[in-house]
Protein backbone atom coordinates (compact mmCIF):
# COMPACT_ATOMS: atom_id res chain seq x y z
CA MET A 1 6.58 -16.22 -9.07
CA LYS A 2 6.97 -17.07 -5.40
CA ARG A 3 6.80 -14.43 -2.68
CA THR A 4 10.46 -14.83 -1.68
CA ALA A 5 11.68 -14.56 -5.26
CA MET A 6 9.60 -11.43 -5.77
CA LEU A 7 11.03 -9.86 -2.62
CA LYS A 8 14.60 -10.63 -3.77
CA ILE A 9 13.90 -8.42 -6.79
CA LEU A 10 11.64 -5.89 -5.11
CA ASN A 11 13.85 -5.01 -2.11
CA PRO A 12 16.91 -3.95 -4.17
CA ALA A 13 14.59 -2.07 -6.55
CA LEU A 14 13.15 -0.17 -3.58
CA ALA A 15 16.66 0.69 -2.40
CA VAL A 16 17.69 1.98 -5.84
CA LEU A 17 14.48 3.98 -6.30
CA LEU A 18 14.85 5.50 -2.82
CA GLY A 19 18.45 6.45 -3.61
CA ILE A 20 17.35 8.10 -6.85
CA GLN A 21 14.61 10.00 -5.01
CA VAL A 22 17.01 11.31 -2.38
CA THR A 23 19.64 12.24 -4.97
CA THR A 24 17.24 13.98 -7.34
CA GLY A 25 15.57 15.68 -4.38
CA LEU A 26 18.82 17.07 -3.00
CA PHE A 27 20.38 17.91 -6.35
CA GLY A 28 17.24 18.78 -8.29
CA ALA A 29 19.01 21.41 -10.39
CA LEU A 30 21.30 18.72 -11.80
CA ALA A 31 18.55 16.17 -12.52
CA SER A 32 15.32 16.17 -14.43
CA GLY A 33 12.14 16.82 -12.47
CA GLU A 34 10.53 14.20 -14.69
CA LEU A 35 12.99 11.58 -13.42
CA HIS A 36 12.14 12.48 -9.81
CA GLU A 37 8.41 12.25 -10.51
CA ALA A 38 8.60 8.96 -12.44
CA CYS A 39 10.80 7.33 -9.81
CA GLY A 40 8.49 8.62 -7.08
CA ILE A 41 5.52 6.90 -8.70
CA ALA A 42 7.53 3.69 -9.16
CA LEU A 43 8.70 3.89 -5.53
CA ALA A 44 5.13 4.25 -4.29
CA ALA A 45 3.96 1.29 -6.40
CA CYS A 46 6.85 -0.88 -5.18
CA ALA A 47 6.18 0.14 -1.57
CA VAL A 48 2.53 -0.93 -1.88
CA LEU A 49 3.58 -4.26 -3.42
CA HIS A 50 6.15 -4.72 -0.64
CA LEU A 51 3.46 -4.08 1.97
CA ILE A 52 1.11 -6.58 0.30
CA LEU A 53 3.80 -9.26 0.15
CA ASN A 54 4.70 -8.71 3.81
CA TRP A 55 1.17 -8.21 5.13
CA GLY A 56 1.35 -11.33 7.32
CA TRP A 57 4.37 -9.96 9.17
CA VAL A 58 2.79 -6.49 9.48
CA LYS A 59 -0.43 -7.97 10.82
CA MET A 60 1.37 -10.18 13.32
CA ASN A 61 3.88 -7.63 14.61
CA LEU A 62 2.39 -4.18 14.23
CA LEU A 63 -1.38 -4.43 14.49
CA PRO A 64 -3.06 -4.78 17.87
CA ARG A 65 -4.46 -8.20 18.69
CA GLY A 66 -7.38 -7.29 20.93
CA LYS A 67 -5.36 -6.75 24.09
CA ALA A 68 -7.04 -4.88 26.91
CA PRO A 69 -5.99 -1.22 27.20
CA GLY A 70 -3.07 -0.84 29.57
CA ALA A 71 -2.36 -4.57 29.59
């Protein structure tokens, strides 16, 4: 599967998992702690995959490129 196609699936999945995490975190008494834990693990795995797929962008835009300090 191509990178772009994977991201088209992964990005909405991340949004849904994040929404579940926030909801089960805020209203934990109404939801299962097991759901919160399982979705947290899935969220972490998806976040790592997202970072891997976007590593080129991260490297280009967020990591220093050997500039002199204060330059």
